[in-house]
Protein backbone atom coordinates (compact mmCIF):
# COMPACT_ATOMS: atom_id res chain seq x y z
CA MET A 1 -40.94 -159.07 52.44
CA ASN A 2 -37.70 -158.47 50.57
CA TYR A 3 -35.69 -161.66 51.15
CA GLN A 4 -32.00 -161.71 50.28
CA ASN A 5 -29.24 -164.18 50.94
CA GLU A 6 -25.81 -164.80 49.42
CA MET A 7 -23.00 -167.31 49.58
CA LYS A 8 -19.59 -167.65 47.97
CA VAL A 9 -17.42 -170.73 47.58
CA LYS A 10 -14.01 -171.21 45.93
CA PHE A 11 -12.40 -174.52 44.98
CA LYS A 12 -9.84 -176.12 42.66
CA ALA A 13 -10.85 -176.62 39.02
CA ILE A 14 -10.73 -180.42 39.12
CA SER A 15 -13.45 -182.82 38.03
CA GLU A 16 -13.89 -184.22 41.55
CA ASN A 17 -15.28 -180.84 42.63
CA GLU A 18 -18.08 -180.71 40.04
CA SER A 19 -20.47 -182.70 42.26
CA PHE A 20 -19.48 -180.57 45.28
CA ALA A 21 -20.39 -177.39 43.39
CA ARG A 22 -23.74 -178.80 42.27
CA ILE A 23 -24.72 -179.97 45.76
CA CYS A 24 -23.43 -176.80 47.45
CA VAL A 25 -25.53 -174.49 45.25
CA ALA A 26 -28.59 -176.75 45.44
CA GLY A 27 -28.35 -176.93 49.22
CA PHE A 28 -28.10 -173.15 49.47
CA CYS A 29 -31.13 -172.69 47.18
CA ALA A 30 -33.17 -175.09 49.30
CA SER A 31 -33.76 -172.23 51.77
CA VAL A 32 -36.51 -170.85 49.51
CA ASN A 33 -38.24 -174.23 49.02
CA PRO A 34 -37.94 -174.59 45.23
CA THR A 35 -39.59 -177.49 43.47
CA ILE A 36 -37.64 -180.67 42.77
CA ASP A 37 -37.64 -179.76 39.07
CA GLU A 38 -36.21 -176.30 39.80
CA ILE A 39 -33.44 -177.76 41.97
CA ASN A 40 -32.64 -180.35 39.29
CA ASP A 41 -32.47 -177.59 36.65
CA ILE A 42 -30.06 -175.60 38.83
CA LYS A 43 -27.89 -178.65 39.56
CA THR A 44 -27.66 -179.54 35.87
CA ALA A 45 -26.74 -176.00 34.77
CA VAL A 46 -24.13 -175.63 37.53
CA SER A 47 -22.63 -179.00 36.58
CA GLU A 48 -22.27 -177.89 32.97
CA ALA A 49 -20.73 -174.52 33.89
CA VAL A 50 -18.23 -176.04 36.31
CA THR A 51 -17.36 -178.82 33.85
CA ASN A 52 -16.66 -176.15 31.20
CA CYS A 53 -14.24 -174.47 33.62
CA VAL A 54 -12.51 -177.75 34.47
CA VAL A 55 -12.15 -178.82 30.84
CA HIS A 56 -11.44 -175.53 29.08
CA ALA A 57 -10.25 -172.79 31.46
CA TYR A 58 -6.96 -174.25 32.65
CA PRO A 59 -5.29 -176.39 29.96
CA LYS A 60 -1.82 -176.35 31.55
CA GLU A 61 -2.21 -176.08 35.31
CA LYS A 62 -5.34 -176.12 37.42
CA GLY A 63 -6.60 -172.87 38.85
CA ASN A 64 -9.66 -172.03 40.91
CA ILE A 65 -13.37 -171.72 40.31
CA GLU A 66 -15.46 -169.34 42.37
CA ILE A 67 -19.24 -169.55 42.67
CA THR A 68 -21.38 -166.79 44.11
CA THR A 69 -25.05 -167.56 44.61
CA LYS A 70 -27.57 -164.83 45.44
CA ILE A 71 -31.22 -165.30 46.19
CA THR A 72 -33.54 -162.31 46.01
CA ASN A 73 -37.16 -163.14 46.75
CA SER A 74 -37.90 -165.88 44.22
CA GLU A 75 -34.99 -165.36 41.84
CA VAL A 76 -31.59 -167.04 42.04
CA TYR A 77 -28.38 -165.69 40.47
CA ILE A 78 -25.46 -168.10 40.22
CA THR A 79 -22.14 -166.70 39.01
CA ILE A 80 -19.37 -169.15 38.12
CA THR A 81 -16.00 -167.48 37.57
CA ASP A 82 -12.58 -168.74 36.54
CA SER A 83 -9.35 -166.87 35.83
CA GLY A 84 -8.31 -169.16 33.00
CA VAL A 85 -7.59 -168.72 29.31
CA GLY A 86 -10.93 -167.13 28.37
CA ILE A 87 -13.18 -167.73 25.37
CA ALA A 88 -12.05 -166.29 22.04
CA ASP A 89 -15.50 -166.28 20.39
CA ILE A 90 -18.41 -166.44 22.84
CA GLU A 91 -21.09 -166.60 20.12
CA LYS A 92 -19.33 -169.53 18.44
CA ALA A 93 -18.86 -171.28 21.81
CA ARG A 94 -22.62 -170.99 22.45
CA GLU A 95 -23.50 -172.79 19.22
CA PRO A 96 -24.84 -176.33 19.75
CA PHE A 97 -22.23 -179.03 19.05
CA TYR A 98 -19.33 -176.58 18.80
CA SER A 99 -16.33 -177.54 20.92
CA SER A 100 -12.83 -176.15 20.92
CA LEU A 101 -11.84 -179.69 21.97
CA ALA A 102 -13.84 -181.69 19.43
CA ASP A 103 -10.83 -183.96 18.90
CA LYS A 104 -11.09 -184.95 22.59
CA GLU A 105 -14.65 -186.32 22.26
CA ARG A 106 -16.40 -183.27 23.73
CA SER A 107 -20.05 -182.85 22.70
CA GLY A 108 -20.13 -179.05 22.56
CA MET A 109 -23.50 -178.88 24.33
CA GLY A 110 -22.51 -177.16 27.61
CA PHE A 111 -24.01 -173.73 26.92
CA THR A 112 -27.01 -175.26 25.16
CA VAL A 113 -27.76 -177.36 28.24
CA MET A 114 -27.33 -174.37 30.58
CA GLU A 115 -29.68 -172.28 28.43
CA GLY A 116 -32.24 -175.09 28.37
CA PHE A 117 -32.44 -175.32 32.16
CA MET A 118 -32.09 -171.66 33.20
CA ASP A 119 -34.14 -168.58 32.34
CA LYS A 120 -31.08 -166.58 31.34
CA VAL A 121 -27.38 -167.29 30.80
CA ILE A 122 -24.92 -164.41 30.56
CA VAL A 123 -21.37 -165.14 29.40
CA GLU A 124 -18.51 -162.66 29.81
CA SER A 125 -14.93 -163.55 28.94
CA LYS A 126 -11.54 -161.97 28.31
CA ILE A 127 -8.66 -163.82 26.71
CA GLY A 128 -6.01 -164.57 29.31
CA LYS A 129 -8.18 -163.23 32.14
CA GLY A 130 -10.99 -165.79 32.46
CA THR A 131 -14.70 -166.30 32.10
CA LYS A 132 -17.76 -165.41 34.14
CA ILE A 133 -21.05 -167.22 33.57
CA THR A 134 -24.18 -165.94 35.29
CA LEU A 135 -27.12 -168.34 35.51
CA ILE A 136 -30.50 -166.82 36.40
CA LYS A 137 -33.56 -168.82 37.42
CA GLN A 138 -36.97 -167.55 38.47
CA LEU A 139 -38.32 -169.90 41.10
CA GLY A 140 -42.07 -170.49 40.91
CA GLU A 141 -44.19 -171.05 43.94
CA CYS A 142 -41.33 -171.02 46.42
CA SER A 143 -41.70 -169.86 49.97
CA ILE A 144 -39.00 -168.80 52.35
CA ALA A 145 -38.16 -171.33 55.04
CA VAL A 146 -37.13 -169.09 57.93
CA GLY A 147 -35.58 -170.67 60.99
CA VAL A 148 -35.19 -174.13 59.54
């Protein structure tokens, strides 16, 4: 059986929405019965990605964050997109402990955490246009809960 499902949600880039994003994506992924560990991994990575958008994407005025989540069989693709300032040096930004806001007590571990909890993290960014982060997770022994 080739199972596919998709959802999209858009919200303001404010810290109060970080928990909403995490729960929204986790709830959507529950349809394929992932393990508790897999759901916790997804929630942690989504939290980090959304927090990066809130903290870095919109330094002057708050814009929007859009999350698209796709499930295909036992693989989940989560794309978090902003239309903010973009990342000047993606490789540098992915280095552990690097933060463009180090003077503001940021740890610089966002991408490192995402990469630790997901199977693959793809980062695309254009200065002045925004950033798109795709989180990919292979779910183990999940089964599809149809009609729940």
